[in-house]
Amino acid sequence: MEIKPSSGFNIYKANARSAMNCENSVGKSVSSAAPNKMDTISISAQGAQQKETAKLVSSITKEITADADSAKVNALKTAIQNGTYSVSAEKIADAILNGLFA
C-alpha cells in the first residue's frame, strides 16, 4: 500500500473548508442575537470529530516524514538478504490493534 504525505494534507484542507463554513454560519447567528443575551459556546459533534481528524493527520504526517534509523534499516536489509528475517503475524496484529485502540 502506498501512502502519500499529500493525502493527509488533502484531508486537512477538506476539514479546514468545513470549519470555515461553520464559522461563517456561527458569525451570522451571533450578529442577529439580542444584545441582552449571554454568550454561550458549544462544540458540535462535527467539531469534535474535526479536532480528532486534525490530530490524526498531524500524527500520520509526523510518522511519514520522520527519518528512519539507518542502523535499523541496515540490519533489516542484511536480515532480508540473508533470508533470516521473519515476520510474526501475532506481532503485526498486536501493533495494529494497539494502534486502533490506543
PDB file of N, CA and C in Angstrom:
ATOM      1  N   MET A   1       0.856  -1.176   0.000  1.00  0.00           N
ATOM      2  CA  MET A   1       0.000   0.000   0.000  1.00  0.00           C
ATOM      3  C   MET A   1       0.893   1.227   0.000  1.00  0.00           C
ATOM      4  N   GLU A   2       0.650   2.127  -0.910  1.00  0.00           N
ATOM      5  CA  GLU A   2       1.448   3.336  -0.989  1.00  0.00           C
ATOM      6  C   GLU A   2       0.767   4.446  -0.202  1.00  0.00           C
ATOM      7  N   ILE A   3       1.517   5.064   0.678  1.00  0.00           N
ATOM      8  CA  ILE A   3       0.986   6.164   1.482  1.00  0.00           C
ATOM      9  C   ILE A   3       1.659   7.440   1.012  1.00  0.00           C
ATOM     10  N   LYS A   4       0.850   8.388   0.619  1.00  0.00           N
ATOM     11  CA  LYS A   4       1.382   9.656   0.130  1.00  0.00           C
ATOM     12  C   LYS A   4       1.167  10.725   1.199  1.00  0.00           C
ATOM     13  N   PRO A   5       2.228  11.478   1.534  1.00  0.00           N
ATOM     14  CA  PRO A   5       2.063  12.537   2.536  1.00  0.00           C
ATOM     15  C   PRO A   5       1.009  13.562   2.138  1.00  0.00           C
ATOM     16  N   SER A   6       0.806  13.754   0.850  1.00  0.00           N
ATOM     17  CA  SER A   6      -0.169  14.751   0.403  1.00  0.00           C
ATOM     18  C   SER A   6      -1.596  14.347   0.736  1.00  0.00           C
ATOM     19  N   SER A   7      -1.857  13.050   0.926  1.00  0.00           N
ATOM     20  CA  SER A   7      -3.228  12.636   1.234  1.00  0.00           C
ATOM     21  C   SER A   7      -3.662  13.168   2.595  1.00  0.00           C
ATOM     22  N   GLY A   8      -2.749  13.221   3.547  1.00  0.00           N
ATOM     23  CA  GLY A   8      -3.066  13.795   4.852  1.00  0.00           C
ATOM     24  C   GLY A   8      -3.379  15.275   4.732  1.00  0.00           C
ATOM     25  N   PHE A   9      -2.639  15.960   3.863  1.00  0.00           N
ATOM     26  CA  PHE A   9      -2.870  17.381   3.663  1.00  0.00           C
ATOM     27  C   PHE A   9      -4.223  17.619   3.014  1.00  0.00           C
ATOM     28  N   ASN A  10      -4.618  16.745   2.097  1.00  0.00           N
ATOM     29  CA  ASN A  10      -5.932  16.889   1.453  1.00  0.00           C
ATOM     30  C   ASN A  10      -7.060  16.746   2.472  1.00  0.00           C
ATOM     31  N   ILE A  11      -6.904  15.828   3.415  1.00  0.00           N
ATOM     32  CA  ILE A  11      -7.902  15.680   4.478  1.00  0.00           C
ATOM     33  C   ILE A  11      -7.956  16.953   5.305  1.00  0.00           C
ATOM     34  N   TYR A  12      -6.787  17.495   5.613  1.00  0.00           N
ATOM     35  CA  TYR A  12      -6.724  18.735   6.397  1.00  0.00           C
ATOM     36  C   TYR A  12      -7.439  19.866   5.658  1.00  0.00           C
ATOM     37  N   LYS A  13      -7.183  20.003   4.346  1.00  0.00           N
ATOM     38  CA  LYS A  13      -7.822  21.078   3.587  1.00  0.00           C
ATOM     39  C   LYS A  13      -9.337  20.939   3.604  1.00  0.00           C
ATOM     40  N   ALA A  14      -9.830  19.722   3.456  1.00  0.00           N
ATOM     41  CA  ALA A  14     -11.278  19.499   3.459  1.00  0.00           C
ATOM     42  C   ALA A  14     -11.877  19.889   4.804  1.00  0.00           C
ATOM     43  N   ASN A  15     -11.208  19.534   5.884  1.00  0.00           N
ATOM     44  CA  ASN A  15     -11.703  19.892   7.209  1.00  0.00           C
ATOM     45  C   ASN A  15     -11.602  21.392   7.462  1.00  0.00           C
ATOM     46  N   ALA A  16     -10.566  22.021   6.929  1.00  0.00           N
ATOM     47  CA  ALA A  16     -10.420  23.462   7.096  1.00  0.00           C
ATOM     48  C   ALA A  16     -11.564  24.192   6.392  1.00  0.00           C
ATOM     49  N   ARG A  17     -11.914  23.725   5.191  1.00  0.00           N
ATOM     50  CA  ARG A  17     -13.037  24.334   4.475  1.00  0.00           C
ATOM     51  C   ARG A  17     -14.336  24.168   5.251  1.00  0.00           C
ATOM     52  N   SER A  18     -14.527  22.990   5.795  1.00  0.00           N
ATOM     53  CA  SER A  18     -15.731  22.716   6.574  1.00  0.00           C
ATOM     54  C   SER A  18     -15.779  23.605   7.813  1.00  0.00           C
ATOM     55  N   ALA A  19     -14.630  23.786   8.451  1.00  0.00           N
ATOM     56  CA  ALA A  19     -14.570  24.638   9.638  1.00  0.00           C
ATOM     57  C   ALA A  19     -14.886  26.087   9.281  1.00  0.00           C
ATOM     58  N   MET A  20     -14.403  26.537   8.132  1.00  0.00           N
ATOM     59  CA  MET A  20     -14.688  27.909   7.700  1.00  0.00           C
ATOM     60  C   MET A  20     -16.188  28.086   7.460  1.00  0.00           C
ATOM     61  N   ASN A  21     -16.831  27.084   6.880  1.00  0.00           N
ATOM     62  CA  ASN A  21     -18.276  27.161   6.658  1.00  0.00           C
ATOM     63  C   ASN A  21     -19.016  27.242   7.985  1.00  0.00           C
ATOM     64  N   CYS A  22     -18.559  26.478   8.970  1.00  0.00           N
ATOM     65  CA  CYS A  22     -19.189  26.516  10.298  1.00  0.00           C
ATOM     66  C   CYS A  22     -19.003  27.883  10.938  1.00  0.00           C
ATOM     67  N   GLU A  23     -17.795  28.455  10.807  1.00  0.00           N
ATOM     68  CA  GLU A  23     -17.537  29.770  11.389  1.00  0.00           C
ATOM     69  C   GLU A  23     -18.418  30.832  10.749  1.00  0.00           C
ATOM     70  N   ASN A  24     -18.587  30.744   9.435  1.00  0.00           N
ATOM     71  CA  ASN A  24     -19.430  31.720   8.747  1.00  0.00           C
ATOM     72  C   ASN A  24     -20.871  31.635   9.234  1.00  0.00           C
ATOM     73  N   SER A  25     -21.388  30.442   9.420  1.00  0.00           N
ATOM     74  CA  SER A  25     -22.775  30.312   9.867  1.00  0.00           C
ATOM     75  C   SER A  25     -22.920  30.734  11.321  1.00  0.00           C
ATOM     76  N   VAL A  26     -21.906  30.481  12.151  1.00  0.00           N
ATOM     77  CA  VAL A  26     -21.955  30.910  13.551  1.00  0.00           C
ATOM     78  C   VAL A  26     -21.897  32.427  13.629  1.00  0.00           C
ATOM     79  N   GLY A  27     -21.060  33.046  12.808  1.00  0.00           N
ATOM     80  CA  GLY A  27     -20.939  34.500  12.812  1.00  0.00           C
ATOM     81  C   GLY A  27     -22.249  35.180  12.462  1.00  0.00           C
ATOM     82  N   LYS A  28     -23.008  34.616  11.539  1.00  0.00           N
ATOM     83  CA  LYS A  28     -24.290  35.195  11.153  1.00  0.00           C
ATOM     84  C   LYS A  28     -25.298  35.099  12.288  1.00  0.00           C
ATOM     85  N   SER A  29     -25.319  33.964  12.974  1.00  0.00           N
ATOM     86  CA  SER A  29     -26.305  33.808  14.041  1.00  0.00           C
ATOM     87  C   SER A  29     -25.953  34.667  15.247  1.00  0.00           C
ATOM     88  N   VAL A  30     -24.678  34.893  15.508  1.00  0.00           N
ATOM     89  CA  VAL A  30     -24.274  35.720  16.645  1.00  0.00           C
ATOM     90  C   VAL A  30     -24.635  37.178  16.396  1.00  0.00           C
ATOM     91  N   SER A  31     -24.451  37.658  15.158  1.00  0.00           N
ATOM     92  CA  SER A  31     -24.734  39.059  14.879  1.00  0.00           C
ATOM     93  C   SER A  31     -26.226  39.367  14.963  1.00  0.00           C
ATOM     94  N   SER A  32     -27.078  38.379  14.747  1.00  0.00           N
ATOM     95  CA  SER A  32     -28.510  38.626  14.809  1.00  0.00           C
ATOM     96  C   SER A  32     -29.079  38.401  16.209  1.00  0.00           C
ATOM     97  N   ALA A  33     -28.252  37.975  17.161  1.00  0.00           N
ATOM     98  CA  ALA A  33     -28.721  37.711  18.528  1.00  0.00           C
ATOM     99  C   ALA A  33     -29.003  39.026  19.251  1.00  0.00           C
ATOM    100  N   ALA A  34     -29.904  38.949  20.221  1.00  0.00           N
ATOM    101  CA  ALA A  34     -30.238  40.130  21.018  1.00  0.00           C
ATOM    102  C   ALA A  34     -29.046  40.502  21.898  1.00  0.00           C
ATOM    103  N   PRO A  35     -28.789  41.810  22.113  1.00  0.00           N
ATOM    104  CA  PRO A  35     -27.617  42.236  22.882  1.00  0.00           C
ATOM    105  C   PRO A  35     -27.701  41.883  24.372  1.00  0.00           C
ATOM    106  N   ASN A  36     -28.885  41.613  24.926  1.00  0.00           N
ATOM    107  CA  ASN A  36     -29.023  41.321  26.353  1.00  0.00           C
ATOM    108  C   ASN A  36     -28.724  39.865  26.698  1.00  0.00           C
ATOM    109  N   LYS A  37     -28.618  39.012  25.729  1.00  0.00           N
ATOM    110  CA  LYS A  37     -28.390  37.597  25.992  1.00  0.00           C
ATOM    111  C   LYS A  37     -26.910  37.338  26.256  1.00  0.00           C
ATOM    112  N   MET A  38     -26.657  36.320  27.076  1.00  0.00           N
ATOM    113  CA  MET A  38     -25.277  35.932  27.369  1.00  0.00           C
ATOM    114  C   MET A  38     -24.749  35.059  26.237  1.00  0.00           C
ATOM    115  N   ASP A  39     -23.456  35.150  26.013  1.00  0.00           N
ATOM    116  CA  ASP A  39     -22.827  34.309  25.007  1.00  0.00           C
ATOM    117  C   ASP A  39     -22.680  32.887  25.535  1.00  0.00           C
ATOM    118  N   THR A  40     -22.856  31.945  24.664  1.00  0.00           N
ATOM    119  CA  THR A  40     -22.628  30.547  25.017  1.00  0.00           C
ATOM    120  C   THR A  40     -21.769  29.907  23.938  1.00  0.00           C
ATOM    121  N   ILE A  41     -21.020  28.925  24.358  1.00  0.00           N
ATOM    122  CA  ILE A  41     -20.169  28.199  23.424  1.00  0.00           C
ATOM    123  C   ILE A  41     -20.516  26.731  23.522  1.00  0.00           C
ATOM    124  N   SER A  42     -20.732  26.125  22.385  1.00  0.00           N
ATOM    125  CA  SER A  42     -20.953  24.683  22.364  1.00  0.00           C
ATOM    126  C   SER A  42     -20.162  24.095  21.202  1.00  0.00           C
ATOM    127  N   ILE A  43     -19.595  22.942  21.452  1.00  0.00           N
ATOM    128  CA  ILE A  43     -18.821  22.263  20.423  1.00  0.00           C
ATOM    129  C   ILE A  43     -19.673  21.120  19.888  1.00  0.00           C
ATOM    130  N   SER A  44     -19.919  21.177  18.609  1.00  0.00           N
ATOM    131  CA  SER A  44     -20.756  20.144  17.995  1.00  0.00           C
ATOM    132  C   SER A  44     -19.965  18.848  17.853  1.00  0.00           C
ATOM    133  N   ALA A  45     -20.674  17.794  17.585  1.00  0.00           N
ATOM    134  CA  ALA A  45     -20.020  16.503  17.346  1.00  0.00           C
ATOM    135  C   ALA A  45     -19.115  16.604  16.126  1.00  0.00           C
ATOM    136  N   GLN A  46     -19.548  17.392  15.150  1.00  0.00           N
ATOM    137  CA  GLN A  46     -18.741  17.575  13.947  1.00  0.00           C
ATOM    138  C   GLN A  46     -17.432  18.288  14.294  1.00  0.00           C
ATOM    139  N   GLY A  47     -17.493  19.278  15.157  1.00  0.00           N
ATOM    140  CA  GLY A  47     -16.288  19.987  15.573  1.00  0.00           C
ATOM    141  C   GLY A  47     -15.328  19.085  16.319  1.00  0.00           C
ATOM    142  N   ALA A  48     -15.863  18.254  17.197  1.00  0.00           N
ATOM    143  CA  ALA A  48     -15.027  17.308  17.937  1.00  0.00           C
ATOM    144  C   ALA A  48     -14.388  16.307  16.982  1.00  0.00           C
ATOM    145  N   GLN A  49     -15.147  15.873  15.995  1.00  0.00           N
ATOM    146  CA  GLN A  49     -14.617  14.924  15.013  1.00  0.00           C
ATOM    147  C   GLN A  49     -13.521  15.585  14.178  1.00  0.00           C
ATOM    148  N   GLN A  50     -13.710  16.844  13.833  1.00  0.00           N
ATOM    149  CA  GLN A  50     -12.695  17.554  13.065  1.00  0.00           C
ATOM    150  C   GLN A  50     -11.409  17.700  13.870  1.00  0.00           C
ATOM    151  N   LYS A  51     -11.544  17.927  15.166  1.00  0.00           N
ATOM    152  CA  LYS A  51     -10.362  18.034  16.020  1.00  0.00           C
ATOM    153  C   LYS A  51      -9.606  16.709  16.046  1.00  0.00           C
ATOM    154  N   GLU A  52     -10.332  15.608  16.194  1.00  0.00           N
ATOM    155  CA  GLU A  52      -9.701  14.287  16.203  1.00  0.00           C
ATOM    156  C   GLU A  52      -9.043  13.996  14.855  1.00  0.00           C
ATOM    157  N   THR A  53      -9.698  14.397  13.773  1.00  0.00           N
ATOM    158  CA  THR A  53      -9.135  14.190  12.441  1.00  0.00           C
ATOM    159  C   THR A  53      -7.851  14.992  12.276  1.00  0.00           C
ATOM    160  N   ALA A  54      -7.848  16.219  12.761  1.00  0.00           N
ATOM    161  CA  ALA A  54      -6.647  17.049  12.675  1.00  0.00           C
ATOM    162  C   ALA A  54      -5.501  16.426  13.464  1.00  0.00           C
ATOM    163  N   LYS A  55      -5.804  15.871  14.647  1.00  0.00           N
ATOM    164  CA  LYS A  55      -4.770  15.194  15.440  1.00  0.00           C
ATOM    165  C   LYS A  55      -4.206  14.004  14.672  1.00  0.00           C
ATOM    166  N   LEU A  56      -5.103  13.232  14.077  1.00  0.00           N
ATOM    167  CA  LEU A  56      -4.690  12.046  13.336  1.00  0.00           C
ATOM    168  C   LEU A  56      -3.828  12.428  12.137  1.00  0.00           C
ATOM    169  N   VAL A  57      -4.226  13.451  11.411  1.00  0.00           N
ATOM    170  CA  VAL A  57      -3.459  13.913  10.255  1.00  0.00           C
ATOM    171  C   VAL A  57      -2.077  14.362  10.700  1.00  0.00           C
ATOM    172  N   SER A  58      -2.017  15.093  11.800  1.00  0.00           N
ATOM    173  CA  SER A  58      -0.736  15.557  12.320  1.00  0.00           C
ATOM    174  C   SER A  58       0.155  14.384  12.697  1.00  0.00           C
ATOM    175  N   SER A  59      -0.414  13.413  13.367  1.00  0.00           N
ATOM    176  CA  SER A  59       0.340  12.232  13.785  1.00  0.00           C
ATOM    177  C   SER A  59       0.862  11.449  12.585  1.00  0.00           C
ATOM    178  N   ILE A  60       0.014  11.246  11.598  1.00  0.00           N
ATOM    179  CA  ILE A  60       0.418  10.499  10.406  1.00  0.00           C
ATOM    180  C   ILE A  60       1.496  11.254   9.642  1.00  0.00           C
ATOM    181  N   THR A  61       1.341  12.560   9.530  1.00  0.00           N
ATOM    182  CA  THR A  61       2.324  13.368   8.819  1.00  0.00           C
ATOM    183  C   THR A  61       3.679  13.288   9.501  1.00  0.00           C
ATOM    184  N   LYS A  62       3.697  13.366  10.838  1.00  0.00           N
ATOM    185  CA  LYS A  62       4.961  13.248  11.573  1.00  0.00           C
ATOM    186  C   LYS A  62       5.591  11.883  11.343  1.00  0.00           C
ATOM    187  N   GLU A  63       4.780  10.846  11.373  1.00  0.00           N
ATOM    188  CA  GLU A  63       5.288   9.487  11.198  1.00  0.00           C
ATOM    189  C   GLU A  63       5.844   9.278   9.791  1.00  0.00           C
ATOM    190  N   ILE A  64       5.170   9.815   8.805  1.00  0.00           N
ATOM    191  CA  ILE A  64       5.601   9.633   7.419  1.00  0.00           C
ATOM    192  C   ILE A  64       6.886  10.398   7.144  1.00  0.00           C
ATOM    193  N   THR A  65       6.997  11.598   7.676  1.00  0.00           N
ATOM    194  CA  THR A  65       8.144  12.445   7.371  1.00  0.00           C
ATOM    195  C   THR A  65       9.330  12.219   8.300  1.00  0.00           C
ATOM    196  N   ALA A  66       9.178  11.393   9.332  1.00  0.00           N
ATOM    197  CA  ALA A  66      10.280  11.141  10.266  1.00  0.00           C
ATOM    198  C   ALA A  66      11.374  10.330   9.575  1.00  0.00           C
ATOM    199  N   ASP A  67      12.621  10.660   9.902  1.00  0.00           N
ATOM    200  CA  ASP A  67      13.752   9.922   9.352  1.00  0.00           C
ATOM    201  C   ASP A  67      13.851   8.556  10.015  1.00  0.00           C
ATOM    202  N   ALA A  68      14.187   7.563   9.220  1.00  0.00           N
ATOM    203  CA  ALA A  68      14.341   6.204   9.743  1.00  0.00           C
ATOM    204  C   ALA A  68      15.733   6.055  10.350  1.00  0.00           C
ATOM    205  N   ASP A  69      15.840   5.205  11.356  1.00  0.00           N
ATOM    206  CA  ASP A  69      17.117   4.909  11.988  1.00  0.00           C
ATOM    207  C   ASP A  69      17.947   4.090  11.002  1.00  0.00           C
ATOM    208  N   SER A  70      19.067   4.653  10.543  1.00  0.00           N
ATOM    209  CA  SER A  70      19.856   3.990   9.500  1.00  0.00           C
ATOM    210  C   SER A  70      20.418   2.649   9.969  1.00  0.00           C
ATOM    211  N   ALA A  71      20.778   2.524  11.247  1.00  0.00           N
ATOM    212  CA  ALA A  71      21.296   1.254  11.754  1.00  0.00           C
ATOM    213  C   ALA A  71      20.217   0.172  11.681  1.00  0.00           C
ATOM    214  N   LYS A  72      18.994   0.546  12.033  1.00  0.00           N
ATOM    215  CA  LYS A  72      17.891  -0.419  11.992  1.00  0.00           C
ATOM    216  C   LYS A  72      17.581  -0.817  10.547  1.00  0.00           C
ATOM    217  N   VAL A  73      17.610   0.156   9.641  1.00  0.00           N
ATOM    218  CA  VAL A  73      17.347  -0.121   8.228  1.00  0.00           C
ATOM    219  C   VAL A  73      18.408  -1.070   7.678  1.00  0.00           C
ATOM    220  N   ASN A  74      19.674  -0.807   7.999  1.00  0.00           N
ATOM    221  CA  ASN A  74      20.754  -1.672   7.513  1.00  0.00           C
ATOM    222  C   ASN A  74      20.637  -3.080   8.087  1.00  0.00           C
ATOM    223  N   ALA A  75      20.262  -3.191   9.357  1.00  0.00           N
ATOM    224  CA  ALA A  75      20.090  -4.507   9.974  1.00  0.00           C
ATOM    225  C   ALA A  75      18.957  -5.272   9.288  1.00  0.00           C
ATOM    226  N   LEU A  76      17.866  -4.580   8.974  1.00  0.00           N
ATOM    227  CA  LEU A  76      16.748  -5.224   8.272  1.00  0.00           C
ATOM    228  C   LEU A  76      17.151  -5.664   6.864  1.00  0.00           C
ATOM    229  N   LYS A  77      17.899  -4.815   6.159  1.00  0.00           N
ATOM    230  CA  LYS A  77      18.352  -5.168   4.811  1.00  0.00           C
ATOM    231  C   LYS A  77      19.215  -6.423   4.850  1.00  0.00           C
ATOM    232  N   THR A  78      20.127  -6.457   5.817  1.00  0.00           N
ATOM    233  CA  THR A  78      21.016  -7.609   5.948  1.00  0.00           C
ATOM    234  C   THR A  78      20.225  -8.874   6.258  1.00  0.00           C
ATOM    235  N   ALA A  79      19.269  -8.778   7.181  1.00  0.00           N
ATOM    236  CA  ALA A  79      18.465  -9.943   7.547  1.00  0.00           C
ATOM    237  C   ALA A  79      17.647 -10.443   6.359  1.00  0.00           C
ATOM    238  N   ILE A  80      17.116  -9.533   5.566  1.00  0.00           N
ATOM    239  CA  ILE A  80      16.329  -9.923   4.386  1.00  0.00           C
ATOM    240  C   ILE A  80      17.231 -10.596   3.354  1.00  0.00           C
ATOM    241  N   GLN A  81      18.416 -10.013   3.123  1.00  0.00           N
ATOM    242  CA  GLN A  81      19.340 -10.588   2.142  1.00  0.00           C
ATOM    243  C   GLN A  81      19.827 -11.972   2.569  1.00  0.00           C
ATOM    244  N   ASN A  82      20.026 -12.171   3.870  1.00  0.00           N
ATOM    245  CA  ASN A  82      20.493 -13.462   4.383  1.00  0.00           C
ATOM    246  C   ASN A  82      19.368 -14.480   4.488  1.00  0.00           C
ATOM    247  N   GLY A  83      18.134 -14.021   4.373  1.00  0.00           N
ATOM    248  CA  GLY A  83      16.993 -14.921   4.499  1.00  0.00           C
ATOM    249  C   GLY A  83      16.646 -15.253   5.939  1.00  0.00           C
ATOM    250  N   THR A  84      17.140 -14.443   6.874  1.00  0.00           N
ATOM    251  CA  THR A  84      16.875 -14.698   8.294  1.00  0.00           C
ATOM    252  C   THR A  84      15.767 -13.821   8.854  1.00  0.00           C
ATOM    253  N   TYR A  85      15.217 -12.950   8.044  1.00  0.00           N
ATOM    254  CA  TYR A  85      14.147 -12.064   8.515  1.00  0.00           C
ATOM    255  C   TYR A  85      12.830 -12.827   8.522  1.00  0.00           C
ATOM    256  N   SER A  86      12.153 -12.801   9.647  1.00  0.00           N
ATOM    257  CA  SER A  86      10.852 -13.467   9.727  1.00  0.00           C
ATOM    258  C   SER A  86       9.807 -12.475  10.222  1.00  0.00           C
ATOM    259  N   VAL A  87       8.613 -12.659   9.737  1.00  0.00           N
ATOM    260  CA  VAL A  87       7.508 -11.778  10.103  1.00  0.00           C
ATOM    261  C   VAL A  87       6.589 -12.532  11.060  1.00  0.00           C
ATOM    262  N   SER A  88       6.334 -11.935  12.212  1.00  0.00           N
ATOM    263  CA  SER A  88       5.434 -12.538  13.185  1.00  0.00           C
ATOM    264  C   SER A  88       4.042 -11.952  12.989  1.00  0.00           C
ATOM    265  N   ALA A  89       3.125 -12.781  12.555  1.00  0.00           N
ATOM    266  CA  ALA A  89       1.750 -12.322  12.339  1.00  0.00           C
ATOM    267  C   ALA A  89       1.138 -11.832  13.646  1.00  0.00           C
ATOM    268  N   GLU A  90       1.505 -12.460  14.752  1.00  0.00           N
ATOM    269  CA  GLU A  90       0.964 -12.056  16.059  1.00  0.00           C
ATOM    270  C   GLU A  90       1.432 -10.646  16.432  1.00  0.00           C
ATOM    271  N   LYS A  91       2.717 -10.349  16.179  1.00  0.00           N
ATOM    272  CA  LYS A  91       3.231  -9.011  16.494  1.00  0.00           C
ATOM    273  C   LYS A  91       2.568  -7.946  15.616  1.00  0.00           C
ATOM    274  N   ILE A  92       2.355  -8.282  14.357  1.00  0.00           N
ATOM    275  CA  ILE A  92       1.702  -7.335  13.448  1.00  0.00           C
ATOM    276  C   ILE A  92       0.271  -7.078  13.906  1.00  0.00           C
ATOM    277  N   ALA A  93      -0.450  -8.132  14.250  1.00  0.00           N
ATOM    278  CA  ALA A  93      -1.835  -7.975  14.715  1.00  0.00           C
ATOM    279  C   ALA A  93      -1.884  -7.156  15.997  1.00  0.00           C
ATOM    280  N   ASP A  94      -0.965  -7.415  16.929  1.00  0.00           N
ATOM    281  CA  ASP A  94      -0.921  -6.640  18.175  1.00  0.00           C
ATOM    282  C   ASP A  94      -0.657  -5.168  17.895  1.00  0.00           C
ATOM    283  N   ALA A  95       0.284  -4.882  16.989  1.00  0.00           N
ATOM    284  CA  ALA A  95       0.605  -3.494  16.664  1.00  0.00           C
ATOM    285  C   ALA A  95      -0.592  -2.789  16.036  1.00  0.00           C
ATOM    286  N   ILE A  96      -1.302  -3.482  15.167  1.00  0.00           N
ATOM    287  CA  ILE A  96      -2.484  -2.890  14.528  1.00  0.00           C
ATOM    288  C   ILE A  96      -3.561  -2.612  15.569  1.00  0.00           C
ATOM    289  N   LEU A  97      -3.827  -3.587  16.418  1.00  0.00           N
ATOM    290  CA  LEU A  97      -4.874  -3.412  17.431  1.00  0.00           C
ATOM    291  C   LEU A  97      -4.493  -2.342  18.444  1.00  0.00           C
ATOM    292  N   ASN A  98      -3.231  -2.279  18.834  1.00  0.00           N
ATOM    293  CA  ASN A  98      -2.798  -1.237  19.763  1.00  0.00           C
ATOM    294  C   ASN A  98      -2.924   0.138  19.128  1.00  0.00           C
ATOM    295  N   GLY A  99      -2.671   0.225  17.829  1.00  0.00           N
ATOM    296  CA  GLY A  99      -2.820   1.495  17.123  1.00  0.00           C
ATOM    297  C   GLY A  99      -4.271   1.922  17.022  1.00  0.00           C
ATOM    298  N   LEU A 100      -5.166   0.958  16.869  1.00  0.00           N
ATOM    299  CA  LEU A 100      -6.587   1.282  16.743  1.00  0.00           C
ATOM    300  C   LEU A 100      -7.209   1.666  18.075  1.00  0.00           C
ATOM    301  N   PHE A 101      -6.775   1.027  19.138  1.00  0.00           N
ATOM    302  CA  PHE A 101      -7.409   1.231  20.434  1.00  0.00           C
ATOM    303  C   PHE A 101      -6.561   2.044  21.399  1.00  0.00           C
ATOM    304  N   ALA A 102      -5.491   2.646  20.914  1.00  0.00           N
ATOM    305  CA  ALA A 102      -4.620   3.434  21.801  1.00  0.00           C
ATOM    306  C   ALA A 102      -5.185   4.805  22.039  1.00  0.00           C
TER     307      ALA A 102
END
